[in-house]
Amino acid sequence: MKKQSLNGAWTLEIPGSAFGSVPARVPGSVYHDLLTAGMIPAPFYRDNELQALQLMENEFHYRRSFTADAELLKSDRVLLRCEGLDTLAEIYLNDRLVGRADNMHRIWEFDAKDALHEGENRIEVRFASPTKYIREAYAASRADGSSDAMRGFPLLRKAHCMFGWDWGPRLPDAGIWRDISLLGMRTARIRDVLVLQEHTESCVKLRVRTSVERVTHAG
């Protein structure tokens, strides 16, 4: 399997805001990038939390360009592997929508081979507002939780403590918070491995079970 990391330098844009294009790092987050750029005050100081919370009413667009590895493009199948997207995201490769995400607690993989080409490629991840989402979701289907948190927080698969708790502020961040990469597959790959143990007084017997994903050769 061929792997090409897309971590590193990206840019962050908040449409409709005065921030313009902000240098960003992946893995990272909106708050981290804006703090690093000196564009927002420390959210844990006094009532700065309120300003940072209001920021989450926006959308957030992460972008970068890259050159796809030539050997990776020859693979039978190419996946865009997103190990952590926080949270409501649309993912574009060369202006083509390749996938959507709505859960920060899982890994997402999307078919990317048809969207890639030789030379320069562009990737963009667009995050929707988490605070707007829970407000609208709560109006449609009421689900209550901690009285210290924002209404509707149980309706989104996002770390619930980000929406406030008795010990924490309301800072529902967003961004690409874990690794993102391209995976080139040929023939097959091992998806899962399960190791079973059987212990006796004299030995330990191990049984290994694997789940294999086969790839149909392209072309």
N, C-alpha and C. Protein backbone atom coordinates (compact mmCIF):
# COMPACT_ATOMS: atom_id res chain seq x y z
N MET A 1 0.84 -1.19 0.00
CA MET A 1 0.00 0.00 0.00
C MET A 1 0.88 1.26 0.00
N LYS A 2 0.52 2.20 -0.85
CA LYS A 2 1.23 3.48 -0.94
C LYS A 2 0.46 4.53 -0.16
N LYS A 3 1.19 5.31 0.66
CA LYS A 3 0.54 6.34 1.48
C LYS A 3 1.20 7.68 1.22
N GLN A 4 0.37 8.70 1.03
CA GLN A 4 0.86 10.07 0.88
C GLN A 4 0.15 10.95 1.90
N SER A 5 0.91 11.51 2.82
CA SER A 5 0.33 12.38 3.84
C SER A 5 -0.07 13.73 3.25
N LEU A 6 -1.20 14.23 3.73
CA LEU A 6 -1.64 15.59 3.37
C LEU A 6 -1.60 16.51 4.59
N ASN A 7 -0.92 16.08 5.63
CA ASN A 7 -0.72 16.94 6.79
C ASN A 7 0.17 18.12 6.43
N GLY A 8 0.23 19.08 7.33
CA GLY A 8 1.16 20.20 7.15
C GLY A 8 0.46 21.52 6.94
N ALA A 9 0.99 22.31 6.00
CA ALA A 9 0.52 23.67 5.79
C ALA A 9 -0.74 23.70 4.92
N TRP A 10 -1.79 24.29 5.44
CA TRP A 10 -3.03 24.54 4.73
C TRP A 10 -3.35 26.03 4.88
N THR A 11 -4.47 26.44 4.32
CA THR A 11 -5.00 27.77 4.59
C THR A 11 -6.43 27.62 5.10
N LEU A 12 -6.83 28.55 5.94
CA LEU A 12 -8.18 28.59 6.51
C LEU A 12 -8.86 29.87 6.06
N GLU A 13 -10.09 29.74 5.58
CA GLU A 13 -10.90 30.90 5.22
C GLU A 13 -12.24 30.79 5.92
N ILE A 14 -12.72 31.90 6.48
CA ILE A 14 -14.03 31.96 7.11
C ILE A 14 -14.90 32.86 6.25
N PRO A 15 -15.74 32.29 5.36
CA PRO A 15 -16.52 33.11 4.43
C PRO A 15 -17.37 34.15 5.15
N GLY A 16 -17.34 35.37 4.62
CA GLY A 16 -18.13 36.44 5.18
C GLY A 16 -17.51 37.14 6.38
N SER A 17 -16.33 36.69 6.80
CA SER A 17 -15.67 37.32 7.95
C SER A 17 -14.58 38.26 7.48
N ALA A 18 -13.97 38.97 8.43
CA ALA A 18 -12.90 39.91 8.11
C ALA A 18 -11.53 39.28 8.25
N PHE A 19 -11.47 37.97 8.50
CA PHE A 19 -10.18 37.33 8.75
C PHE A 19 -9.35 37.13 7.48
N GLY A 20 -10.01 37.01 6.34
CA GLY A 20 -9.29 36.74 5.11
C GLY A 20 -8.75 35.31 5.10
N SER A 21 -7.61 35.09 4.45
CA SER A 21 -6.98 33.78 4.39
C SER A 21 -5.94 33.68 5.50
N VAL A 22 -6.08 32.65 6.33
CA VAL A 22 -5.24 32.49 7.52
C VAL A 22 -4.36 31.25 7.35
N PRO A 23 -3.05 31.33 7.62
CA PRO A 23 -2.22 30.12 7.60
C PRO A 23 -2.74 29.11 8.62
N ALA A 24 -2.78 27.84 8.23
CA ALA A 24 -3.32 26.81 9.10
C ALA A 24 -2.39 25.60 9.10
N ARG A 25 -2.48 24.81 10.17
CA ARG A 25 -1.73 23.56 10.28
C ARG A 25 -2.70 22.41 10.48
N VAL A 26 -2.40 21.31 9.80
CA VAL A 26 -3.18 20.09 9.94
C VAL A 26 -2.24 18.97 10.37
N PRO A 27 -2.58 18.22 11.44
CA PRO A 27 -3.77 18.34 12.27
C PRO A 27 -3.80 19.65 13.05
N GLY A 28 -5.01 20.12 13.32
CA GLY A 28 -5.18 21.35 14.06
C GLY A 28 -6.65 21.68 14.20
N SER A 29 -6.96 22.97 14.38
CA SER A 29 -8.35 23.38 14.56
C SER A 29 -8.47 24.87 14.27
N VAL A 30 -9.71 25.33 14.15
CA VAL A 30 -9.98 26.74 13.87
C VAL A 30 -9.44 27.62 14.99
N TYR A 31 -9.79 27.31 16.23
CA TYR A 31 -9.31 28.14 17.34
C TYR A 31 -7.78 28.18 17.39
N HIS A 32 -7.15 27.02 17.20
CA HIS A 32 -5.69 26.96 17.25
C HIS A 32 -5.08 27.86 16.17
N ASP A 33 -5.60 27.77 14.95
CA ASP A 33 -5.03 28.55 13.85
C ASP A 33 -5.22 30.05 14.06
N LEU A 34 -6.40 30.44 14.54
CA LEU A 34 -6.65 31.87 14.76
C LEU A 34 -5.85 32.40 15.94
N LEU A 35 -5.67 31.59 16.97
CA LEU A 35 -4.84 31.99 18.10
C LEU A 35 -3.38 32.15 17.67
N THR A 36 -2.89 31.19 16.87
CA THR A 36 -1.52 31.25 16.39
C THR A 36 -1.28 32.49 15.53
N ALA A 37 -2.29 32.86 14.76
CA ALA A 37 -2.18 34.05 13.89
C ALA A 37 -2.42 35.35 14.65
N GLY A 38 -2.76 35.25 15.94
CA GLY A 38 -3.01 36.44 16.74
C GLY A 38 -4.30 37.15 16.40
N MET A 39 -5.28 36.41 15.88
CA MET A 39 -6.51 37.04 15.41
C MET A 39 -7.66 36.96 16.40
N ILE A 40 -7.53 36.16 17.45
CA ILE A 40 -8.54 36.13 18.50
C ILE A 40 -7.81 36.12 19.84
N PRO A 41 -8.44 36.64 20.88
CA PRO A 41 -7.82 36.62 22.21
C PRO A 41 -7.95 35.23 22.84
N ALA A 42 -7.19 34.98 23.86
CA ALA A 42 -7.23 33.68 24.55
C ALA A 42 -8.64 33.42 25.07
N PRO A 43 -9.29 32.36 24.62
CA PRO A 43 -10.70 32.14 24.99
C PRO A 43 -10.90 31.76 26.46
N PHE A 44 -9.84 31.36 27.16
CA PHE A 44 -9.98 30.98 28.56
C PHE A 44 -9.80 32.17 29.51
N TYR A 45 -9.60 33.36 28.97
CA TYR A 45 -9.40 34.56 29.80
C TYR A 45 -10.71 35.33 29.92
N ARG A 46 -11.12 35.56 31.16
CA ARG A 46 -12.32 36.32 31.47
C ARG A 46 -13.51 35.83 30.63
N ASP A 47 -14.19 36.74 29.91
CA ASP A 47 -15.37 36.34 29.13
C ASP A 47 -15.06 36.24 27.64
N ASN A 48 -13.79 36.05 27.28
CA ASN A 48 -13.43 35.88 25.86
C ASN A 48 -14.10 34.65 25.25
N GLU A 49 -14.51 33.74 26.11
CA GLU A 49 -15.24 32.55 25.63
C GLU A 49 -16.44 32.94 24.78
N LEU A 50 -17.12 34.02 25.13
CA LEU A 50 -18.33 34.42 24.41
C LEU A 50 -18.01 34.83 22.98
N GLN A 51 -16.89 35.53 22.79
CA GLN A 51 -16.47 35.92 21.45
C GLN A 51 -16.09 34.70 20.62
N ALA A 52 -15.37 33.78 21.24
CA ALA A 52 -14.96 32.56 20.53
C ALA A 52 -16.17 31.70 20.18
N LEU A 53 -17.16 31.65 21.06
CA LEU A 53 -18.37 30.88 20.78
C LEU A 53 -19.13 31.46 19.59
N GLN A 54 -19.25 32.78 19.53
CA GLN A 54 -19.95 33.42 18.42
C GLN A 54 -19.29 33.10 17.09
N LEU A 55 -17.98 32.92 17.10
CA LEU A 55 -17.24 32.60 15.89
C LEU A 55 -17.75 31.31 15.25
N MET A 56 -18.26 30.40 16.07
CA MET A 56 -18.69 29.10 15.57
C MET A 56 -20.02 29.14 14.81
N GLU A 57 -20.59 30.33 14.66
CA GLU A 57 -21.79 30.48 13.82
C GLU A 57 -21.43 30.50 12.34
N ASN A 58 -20.13 30.52 12.02
CA ASN A 58 -19.66 30.62 10.64
C ASN A 58 -19.38 29.24 10.03
N GLU A 59 -19.09 29.26 8.73
CA GLU A 59 -18.50 28.11 8.05
C GLU A 59 -16.99 28.29 8.03
N PHE A 60 -16.28 27.18 7.83
CA PHE A 60 -14.82 27.21 7.82
C PHE A 60 -14.30 26.35 6.67
N HIS A 61 -13.48 26.94 5.80
CA HIS A 61 -12.97 26.25 4.62
C HIS A 61 -11.46 26.08 4.74
N TYR A 62 -11.02 24.82 4.76
CA TYR A 62 -9.59 24.49 4.76
C TYR A 62 -9.19 24.07 3.35
N ARG A 63 -8.05 24.60 2.87
CA ARG A 63 -7.61 24.31 1.50
C ARG A 63 -6.10 24.09 1.46
N ARG A 64 -5.67 23.30 0.48
CA ARG A 64 -4.25 23.20 0.15
C ARG A 64 -4.11 22.58 -1.24
N SER A 65 -2.95 22.78 -1.85
CA SER A 65 -2.59 22.14 -3.11
C SER A 65 -1.50 21.12 -2.85
N PHE A 66 -1.43 20.11 -3.70
CA PHE A 66 -0.41 19.08 -3.55
C PHE A 66 -0.21 18.38 -4.89
N THR A 67 0.93 17.74 -5.05
CA THR A 67 1.20 16.93 -6.22
C THR A 67 1.05 15.47 -5.84
N ALA A 68 0.15 14.78 -6.50
CA ALA A 68 -0.09 13.37 -6.18
C ALA A 68 1.10 12.52 -6.61
N ASP A 69 1.52 11.62 -5.74
CA ASP A 69 2.63 10.72 -6.04
C ASP A 69 2.31 9.87 -7.27
N ALA A 70 3.26 9.77 -8.19
CA ALA A 70 3.04 9.06 -9.45
C ALA A 70 2.70 7.59 -9.21
N GLU A 71 3.38 6.94 -8.27
CA GLU A 71 3.10 5.54 -7.97
C GLU A 71 1.72 5.38 -7.35
N LEU A 72 1.32 6.34 -6.56
CA LEU A 72 -0.01 6.27 -5.96
C LEU A 72 -1.10 6.33 -7.03
N LEU A 73 -0.91 7.16 -8.04
CA LEU A 73 -1.91 7.28 -9.11
C LEU A 73 -2.06 6.00 -9.92
N LYS A 74 -1.03 5.14 -9.90
CA LYS A 74 -1.09 3.87 -10.62
C LYS A 74 -1.84 2.78 -9.84
N SER A 75 -2.20 3.06 -8.61
CA SER A 75 -2.88 2.08 -7.77
C SER A 75 -4.24 1.70 -8.34
N ASP A 76 -4.70 0.49 -8.00
CA ASP A 76 -6.02 0.05 -8.44
C ASP A 76 -7.12 0.90 -7.81
N ARG A 77 -6.89 1.31 -6.60
CA ARG A 77 -7.86 2.14 -5.90
C ARG A 77 -7.11 3.14 -5.02
N VAL A 78 -7.62 4.38 -4.97
CA VAL A 78 -7.02 5.40 -4.11
C VAL A 78 -8.11 5.92 -3.17
N LEU A 79 -7.79 5.91 -1.89
CA LEU A 79 -8.72 6.39 -0.88
C LEU A 79 -8.19 7.66 -0.24
N LEU A 80 -9.08 8.59 0.04
CA LEU A 80 -8.77 9.73 0.89
C LEU A 80 -9.18 9.32 2.30
N ARG A 81 -8.20 9.19 3.18
CA ARG A 81 -8.44 8.71 4.54
C ARG A 81 -8.37 9.90 5.51
N CYS A 82 -9.49 10.17 6.15
CA CYS A 82 -9.59 11.28 7.10
C CYS A 82 -9.78 10.68 8.49
N GLU A 83 -8.78 10.77 9.32
CA GLU A 83 -8.83 10.10 10.62
C GLU A 83 -9.53 10.92 11.68
N GLY A 84 -9.80 12.19 11.40
CA GLY A 84 -10.53 13.02 12.35
C GLY A 84 -11.01 14.31 11.73
N LEU A 85 -12.32 14.40 11.48
CA LEU A 85 -12.94 15.61 10.95
C LEU A 85 -13.95 16.12 11.97
N ASP A 86 -13.81 17.35 12.38
CA ASP A 86 -14.65 17.92 13.44
C ASP A 86 -15.46 19.08 12.87
N THR A 87 -16.74 18.87 12.52
CA THR A 87 -17.47 17.62 12.54
C THR A 87 -18.30 17.49 11.27
N LEU A 88 -19.05 18.55 10.93
CA LEU A 88 -19.94 18.53 9.77
C LEU A 88 -19.16 19.02 8.56
N ALA A 89 -18.79 18.10 7.68
CA ALA A 89 -17.82 18.45 6.62
C ALA A 89 -18.26 17.95 5.26
N GLU A 90 -17.89 18.71 4.24
CA GLU A 90 -17.92 18.28 2.85
C GLU A 90 -16.50 18.33 2.33
N ILE A 91 -16.10 17.29 1.59
CA ILE A 91 -14.71 17.18 1.14
C ILE A 91 -14.68 17.21 -0.38
N TYR A 92 -13.85 18.10 -0.92
CA TYR A 92 -13.74 18.28 -2.36
C TYR A 92 -12.30 18.01 -2.80
N LEU A 93 -12.16 17.29 -3.91
CA LEU A 93 -10.89 17.11 -4.59
C LEU A 93 -11.02 17.68 -5.99
N ASN A 94 -10.21 18.68 -6.31
CA ASN A 94 -10.28 19.34 -7.62
C ASN A 94 -11.71 19.75 -7.95
N ASP A 95 -12.36 20.35 -6.97
CA ASP A 95 -13.73 20.89 -7.09
C ASP A 95 -14.79 19.81 -7.23
N ARG A 96 -14.43 18.56 -7.03
CA ARG A 96 -15.40 17.47 -7.09
C ARG A 96 -15.72 17.00 -5.67
N LEU A 97 -17.00 16.95 -5.32
CA LEU A 97 -17.40 16.46 -4.01
C LEU A 97 -17.15 14.96 -3.93
N VAL A 98 -16.30 14.54 -3.00
CA VAL A 98 -15.98 13.12 -2.87
C VAL A 98 -16.58 12.50 -1.62
N GLY A 99 -17.07 13.32 -0.68
CA GLY A 99 -17.65 12.74 0.51
C GLY A 99 -18.14 13.77 1.51
N ARG A 100 -18.93 13.28 2.45
CA ARG A 100 -19.44 14.10 3.55
C ARG A 100 -19.18 13.38 4.87
N ALA A 101 -19.05 14.14 5.93
CA ALA A 101 -18.83 13.57 7.25
C ALA A 101 -19.71 14.28 8.27
N ASP A 102 -20.12 13.54 9.31
CA ASP A 102 -20.96 14.14 10.35
C ASP A 102 -20.68 13.55 11.73
N ASN A 103 -19.45 13.04 11.92
CA ASN A 103 -19.10 12.38 13.17
C ASN A 103 -17.60 12.55 13.41
N MET A 104 -17.22 13.24 14.48
CA MET A 104 -15.80 13.47 14.73
C MET A 104 -15.12 12.27 15.39
N HIS A 105 -15.90 11.27 15.80
CA HIS A 105 -15.36 10.17 16.59
C HIS A 105 -14.98 8.94 15.75
N ARG A 106 -14.96 9.07 14.45
CA ARG A 106 -14.66 7.92 13.59
C ARG A 106 -13.73 8.32 12.45
N ILE A 107 -13.21 7.30 11.77
CA ILE A 107 -12.38 7.50 10.58
C ILE A 107 -13.28 7.47 9.35
N TRP A 108 -13.01 8.37 8.42
CA TRP A 108 -13.75 8.41 7.16
C TRP A 108 -12.81 8.10 6.00
N GLU A 109 -13.27 7.28 5.06
CA GLU A 109 -12.51 6.99 3.84
C GLU A 109 -13.40 7.20 2.62
N PHE A 110 -12.87 7.88 1.61
CA PHE A 110 -13.64 8.20 0.42
C PHE A 110 -12.84 7.82 -0.83
N ASP A 111 -13.52 7.29 -1.84
CA ASP A 111 -12.87 6.98 -3.11
C ASP A 111 -12.39 8.27 -3.76
N ALA A 112 -11.11 8.28 -4.15
CA ALA A 112 -10.52 9.52 -4.66
C ALA A 112 -9.84 9.37 -6.01
N LYS A 113 -9.69 8.15 -6.51
CA LYS A 113 -8.89 7.92 -7.72
C LYS A 113 -9.39 8.72 -8.92
N ASP A 114 -10.70 8.73 -9.15
CA ASP A 114 -11.24 9.41 -10.33
C ASP A 114 -11.14 10.93 -10.22
N ALA A 115 -10.96 11.45 -9.01
CA ALA A 115 -10.89 12.90 -8.82
C ALA A 115 -9.46 13.43 -8.90
N LEU A 116 -8.47 12.53 -8.87
CA LEU A 116 -7.07 12.94 -8.88
C LEU A 116 -6.50 12.94 -10.29
N HIS A 117 -5.43 13.69 -10.50
CA HIS A 117 -4.75 13.69 -11.79
C HIS A 117 -3.28 14.01 -11.58
N GLU A 118 -2.49 13.85 -12.62
CA GLU A 118 -1.08 14.20 -12.55
C GLU A 118 -0.92 15.71 -12.37
N GLY A 119 0.20 16.09 -11.77
CA GLY A 119 0.45 17.52 -11.54
C GLY A 119 -0.22 18.01 -10.28
N GLU A 120 -0.55 19.29 -10.27
CA GLU A 120 -1.10 19.91 -9.07
C GLU A 120 -2.56 19.53 -8.86
N ASN A 121 -2.89 19.15 -7.63
CA ASN A 121 -4.26 18.85 -7.22
C ASN A 121 -4.64 19.79 -6.08
N ARG A 122 -5.94 19.96 -5.89
CA ARG A 122 -6.45 20.81 -4.82
C ARG A 122 -7.43 20.02 -3.95
N ILE A 123 -7.32 20.21 -2.65
CA ILE A 123 -8.27 19.63 -1.72
C ILE A 123 -8.87 20.74 -0.88
N GLU A 124 -10.15 20.64 -0.61
CA GLU A 124 -10.84 21.60 0.23
C GLU A 124 -11.79 20.86 1.14
N VAL A 125 -11.77 21.20 2.43
CA VAL A 125 -12.69 20.63 3.40
C VAL A 125 -13.50 21.77 3.98
N ARG A 126 -14.81 21.72 3.78
CA ARG A 126 -15.70 22.79 4.23
C ARG A 126 -16.49 22.31 5.45
N PHE A 127 -16.33 23.03 6.54
CA PHE A 127 -17.02 22.69 7.79
C PHE A 127 -18.20 23.63 8.01
N ALA A 128 -19.35 23.04 8.33
CA ALA A 128 -20.54 23.83 8.65
C ALA A 128 -20.55 24.17 10.14
N SER A 129 -21.36 25.16 10.49
CA SER A 129 -21.45 25.63 11.86
C SER A 129 -22.06 24.56 12.78
N PRO A 130 -21.35 24.16 13.84
CA PRO A 130 -21.93 23.19 14.78
C PRO A 130 -23.03 23.81 15.64
N THR A 131 -22.92 25.10 15.94
CA THR A 131 -23.92 25.72 16.81
C THR A 131 -25.25 25.92 16.07
N LYS A 132 -25.18 26.28 14.80
CA LYS A 132 -26.42 26.38 14.02
C LYS A 132 -27.07 25.00 13.90
N TYR A 133 -26.24 23.98 13.70
CA TYR A 133 -26.78 22.63 13.52
C TYR A 133 -27.55 22.18 14.76
N ILE A 134 -26.96 22.30 15.94
CA ILE A 134 -27.65 21.80 17.13
C ILE A 134 -28.89 22.63 17.45
N ARG A 135 -28.87 23.91 17.13
CA ARG A 135 -30.04 24.76 17.36
C ARG A 135 -31.20 24.30 16.48
N GLU A 136 -30.92 24.05 15.20
CA GLU A 136 -31.97 23.61 14.28
C GLU A 136 -32.41 22.19 14.59
N ALA A 137 -31.46 21.33 14.97
CA ALA A 137 -31.81 19.94 15.30
C ALA A 137 -32.67 19.88 16.55
N TYR A 138 -32.39 20.74 17.52
CA TYR A 138 -33.17 20.76 18.76
C TYR A 138 -34.60 21.23 18.49
N ALA A 139 -34.75 22.19 17.58
CA ALA A 139 -36.10 22.67 17.25
C ALA A 139 -36.92 21.58 16.57
N ALA A 140 -36.24 20.71 15.83
CA ALA A 140 -36.94 19.64 15.11
C ALA A 140 -37.19 18.42 15.99
N SER A 141 -36.28 18.14 16.92
CA SER A 141 -36.40 16.95 17.77
C SER A 141 -35.68 17.22 19.08
N ARG A 142 -36.44 17.53 20.10
CA ARG A 142 -35.86 17.94 21.39
C ARG A 142 -35.11 16.80 22.06
N ALA A 143 -33.87 17.07 22.45
CA ALA A 143 -33.05 16.10 23.19
C ALA A 143 -32.23 16.88 24.20
N ASP A 144 -32.54 16.72 25.47
CA ASP A 144 -31.88 17.49 26.51
C ASP A 144 -30.76 16.68 27.16
N GLY A 145 -29.81 17.43 27.77
CA GLY A 145 -28.70 16.81 28.46
C GLY A 145 -28.34 17.66 29.66
N SER A 146 -27.06 17.91 29.85
CA SER A 146 -26.59 18.73 30.96
C SER A 146 -27.13 20.15 30.84
N SER A 147 -27.62 20.69 31.94
CA SER A 147 -28.13 22.06 31.94
C SER A 147 -27.02 23.08 31.80
N ASP A 148 -25.76 22.64 31.98
CA ASP A 148 -24.61 23.53 31.82
C ASP A 148 -24.16 23.65 30.37
N ALA A 149 -24.70 22.80 29.50
CA ALA A 149 -24.28 22.76 28.10
C ALA A 149 -25.32 23.42 27.20
N MET A 150 -24.98 23.60 25.94
CA MET A 150 -25.87 24.23 24.99
C MET A 150 -26.99 23.29 24.60
N ARG A 151 -28.15 23.84 24.36
CA ARG A 151 -29.29 23.02 23.94
C ARG A 151 -28.99 22.31 22.63
N GLY A 152 -29.36 21.05 22.56
CA GLY A 152 -29.21 20.28 21.33
C GLY A 152 -27.90 19.57 21.18
N PHE A 153 -26.97 19.71 22.13
CA PHE A 153 -25.65 19.09 21.96
C PHE A 153 -25.69 17.57 21.81
N PRO A 154 -26.67 16.84 22.42
CA PRO A 154 -26.67 15.39 22.22
C PRO A 154 -27.00 14.95 20.79
N LEU A 155 -27.46 15.90 19.95
CA LEU A 155 -27.90 15.56 18.60
C LEU A 155 -26.77 15.59 17.57
N LEU A 156 -25.55 15.85 18.02
CA LEU A 156 -24.41 15.89 17.11
C LEU A 156 -23.30 15.00 17.65
N ARG A 157 -22.72 14.17 16.78
CA ARG A 157 -21.64 13.27 17.19
C ARG A 157 -20.33 14.04 17.24
N LYS A 158 -20.23 14.83 18.28
CA LYS A 158 -19.09 15.71 18.53
C LYS A 158 -18.82 15.67 20.02
N ALA A 159 -17.57 15.86 20.44
CA ALA A 159 -17.25 15.82 21.87
C ALA A 159 -18.19 16.75 22.63
N HIS A 160 -19.04 16.17 23.48
CA HIS A 160 -20.10 16.95 24.12
C HIS A 160 -19.56 18.00 25.08
N CYS A 161 -18.40 17.77 25.65
CA CYS A 161 -17.85 18.75 26.58
C CYS A 161 -17.51 20.07 25.90
N MET A 162 -17.37 20.06 24.56
CA MET A 162 -17.09 21.30 23.84
C MET A 162 -18.25 22.30 23.94
N PHE A 163 -19.45 21.80 24.24
CA PHE A 163 -20.62 22.66 24.30
C PHE A 163 -20.88 23.17 25.71
N GLY A 164 -19.91 22.99 26.60
CA GLY A 164 -20.05 23.47 27.96
C GLY A 164 -20.38 22.36 28.93
N TRP A 165 -19.90 22.51 30.14
CA TRP A 165 -20.18 21.55 31.22
C TRP A 165 -20.01 22.31 32.53
N ASP A 166 -20.26 21.67 33.65
CA ASP A 166 -20.11 22.40 34.91
C ASP A 166 -18.66 22.80 35.17
N TRP A 167 -17.71 22.13 34.49
CA TRP A 167 -16.29 22.41 34.69
C TRP A 167 -15.63 23.07 33.49
N GLY A 168 -16.38 23.28 32.39
CA GLY A 168 -15.73 23.75 31.17
C GLY A 168 -16.54 24.78 30.41
N PRO A 169 -15.86 25.57 29.56
CA PRO A 169 -16.52 26.61 28.77
C PRO A 169 -17.18 26.04 27.53
N ARG A 170 -17.91 26.88 26.85
CA ARG A 170 -18.58 26.51 25.60
C ARG A 170 -17.68 26.93 24.43
N LEU A 171 -16.89 25.98 23.96
CA LEU A 171 -15.93 26.23 22.88
C LEU A 171 -15.99 25.09 21.87
N PRO A 172 -17.06 25.01 21.07
CA PRO A 172 -17.23 23.92 20.11
C PRO A 172 -16.38 24.13 18.84
N ASP A 173 -15.12 23.81 18.95
CA ASP A 173 -14.13 24.04 17.89
C ASP A 173 -14.48 23.27 16.62
N ALA A 174 -13.70 23.46 15.57
CA ALA A 174 -13.90 22.75 14.30
C ALA A 174 -12.54 22.58 13.63
N GLY A 175 -12.48 21.65 12.66
CA GLY A 175 -11.25 21.50 11.89
C GLY A 175 -10.85 20.06 11.64
N ILE A 176 -9.69 19.91 11.00
CA ILE A 176 -9.11 18.60 10.69
C ILE A 176 -8.19 18.26 11.86
N TRP A 177 -8.69 17.50 12.80
CA TRP A 177 -7.99 17.40 14.09
C TRP A 177 -7.10 16.16 14.19
N ARG A 178 -7.13 15.30 13.18
CA ARG A 178 -6.22 14.16 13.13
C ARG A 178 -5.66 14.05 11.71
N ASP A 179 -4.84 13.03 11.46
CA ASP A 179 -4.14 12.90 10.17
C ASP A 179 -5.12 12.77 9.00
N ILE A 180 -4.67 13.26 7.85
CA ILE A 180 -5.39 13.09 6.60
C ILE A 180 -4.38 12.66 5.55
N SER A 181 -4.74 11.67 4.71
CA SER A 181 -3.77 11.11 3.77
C SER A 181 -4.49 10.45 2.60
N LEU A 182 -3.69 10.14 1.57
CA LEU A 182 -4.15 9.35 0.43
C LEU A 182 -3.54 7.95 0.55
N LEU A 183 -4.35 6.93 0.31
CA LEU A 183 -3.90 5.55 0.36
C LEU A 183 -4.10 4.90 -1.00
N GLY A 184 -3.02 4.38 -1.57
CA GLY A 184 -3.10 3.66 -2.84
C GLY A 184 -3.11 2.16 -2.58
N MET A 185 -4.12 1.46 -3.09
CA MET A 185 -4.28 0.02 -2.85
C MET A 185 -4.10 -0.76 -4.13
N ARG A 186 -3.46 -1.92 -4.01
CA ARG A 186 -3.34 -2.85 -5.13
C ARG A 186 -3.78 -4.24 -4.67
N THR A 187 -4.68 -4.82 -5.41
CA THR A 187 -5.20 -6.18 -5.19
C THR A 187 -6.07 -6.27 -3.94
N ALA A 188 -5.51 -5.98 -2.75
CA ALA A 188 -6.29 -6.14 -1.52
C ALA A 188 -5.56 -5.45 -0.37
N ARG A 189 -6.26 -5.35 0.76
CA ARG A 189 -5.65 -4.87 1.99
C ARG A 189 -6.32 -5.56 3.17
N ILE A 190 -5.61 -5.63 4.27
CA ILE A 190 -6.16 -6.16 5.51
C ILE A 190 -6.91 -5.04 6.21
N ARG A 191 -8.22 -5.23 6.43
CA ARG A 191 -9.03 -4.21 7.08
C ARG A 191 -8.99 -4.33 8.60
N ASP A 192 -9.09 -5.56 9.11
CA ASP A 192 -9.15 -5.75 10.55
C ASP A 192 -8.36 -7.00 10.94
N VAL A 193 -7.82 -6.97 12.15
CA VAL A 193 -7.12 -8.12 12.72
C VAL A 193 -7.67 -8.37 14.12
N LEU A 194 -8.06 -9.63 14.38
CA LEU A 194 -8.55 -10.02 15.70
C LEU A 194 -7.66 -11.13 16.24
N VAL A 195 -7.08 -10.91 17.40
CA VAL A 195 -6.22 -11.90 18.04
C VAL A 195 -6.97 -12.50 19.22
N LEU A 196 -7.16 -13.82 19.20
CA LEU A 196 -7.83 -14.54 20.29
C LEU A 196 -6.81 -15.35 21.07
N GLN A 197 -6.91 -15.35 22.39
CA GLN A 197 -5.95 -16.04 23.24
C GLN A 197 -6.64 -17.14 24.05
N GLU A 198 -5.95 -18.26 24.15
CA GLU A 198 -6.42 -19.36 25.00
C GLU A 198 -5.27 -19.77 25.93
N HIS A 199 -5.43 -19.52 27.21
CA HIS A 199 -4.36 -19.75 28.18
C HIS A 199 -4.55 -21.09 28.89
N THR A 200 -3.48 -21.86 28.99
CA THR A 200 -3.45 -23.08 29.79
C THR A 200 -2.26 -22.98 30.75
N GLU A 201 -2.08 -23.98 31.58
CA GLU A 201 -0.96 -23.95 32.52
C GLU A 201 0.39 -24.03 31.82
N SER A 202 0.42 -24.64 30.66
CA SER A 202 1.71 -24.86 29.99
C SER A 202 1.97 -23.95 28.80
N CYS A 203 0.92 -23.34 28.24
CA CYS A 203 1.14 -22.53 27.04
C CYS A 203 -0.01 -21.57 26.80
N VAL A 204 0.21 -20.74 25.79
CA VAL A 204 -0.83 -19.83 25.32
C VAL A 204 -1.03 -20.07 23.83
N LYS A 205 -2.26 -20.36 23.46
CA LYS A 205 -2.56 -20.55 22.04
C LYS A 205 -3.17 -19.26 21.49
N LEU A 206 -2.64 -18.85 20.35
CA LEU A 206 -3.12 -17.64 19.70
C LEU A 206 -3.79 -17.98 18.39
N ARG A 207 -4.92 -17.39 18.15
CA ARG A 207 -5.60 -17.50 16.86
C ARG A 207 -5.78 -16.10 16.29
N VAL A 208 -5.39 -15.95 15.04
CA VAL A 208 -5.46 -14.65 14.40
C VAL A 208 -6.48 -14.70 13.26
N ARG A 209 -7.43 -13.82 13.31
CA ARG A 209 -8.44 -13.71 12.26
C ARG A 209 -8.29 -12.37 11.56
N THR A 210 -8.33 -12.40 10.26
CA THR A 210 -8.19 -11.17 9.48
C THR A 210 -9.40 -10.96 8.58
N SER A 211 -9.69 -9.69 8.35
CA SER A 211 -10.74 -9.30 7.40
C SER A 211 -10.04 -8.63 6.22
N VAL A 212 -10.23 -9.18 5.02
CA VAL A 212 -9.52 -8.71 3.83
C VAL A 212 -10.50 -8.01 2.88
N GLU A 213 -10.10 -6.84 2.40
CA GLU A 213 -10.86 -6.12 1.41
C GLU A 213 -10.15 -6.23 0.07
N ARG A 214 -10.81 -6.82 -0.90
CA ARG A 214 -10.21 -7.02 -2.22
C ARG A 214 -10.55 -5.84 -3.14
N VAL A 215 -9.64 -5.57 -4.04
CA VAL A 215 -9.80 -4.45 -4.97
C VAL A 215 -9.85 -5.00 -6.39
N THR A 216 -10.87 -4.60 -7.11
CA THR A 216 -10.96 -4.97 -8.52
C THR A 216 -10.01 -4.11 -9.32
N HIS A 217 -9.17 -4.74 -10.15
CA HIS A 217 -8.16 -4.00 -10.93
C HIS A 217 -8.83 -3.01 -11.85
N ALA A 218 -8.36 -1.77 -11.80
CA ALA A 218 -8.92 -0.71 -12.63
C ALA A 218 -8.55 -0.91 -14.10
N GLY A 219 -9.48 -0.61 -14.96
CA GLY A 219 -9.21 -0.63 -16.38
C GLY A 219 -9.29 -2.00 -16.99
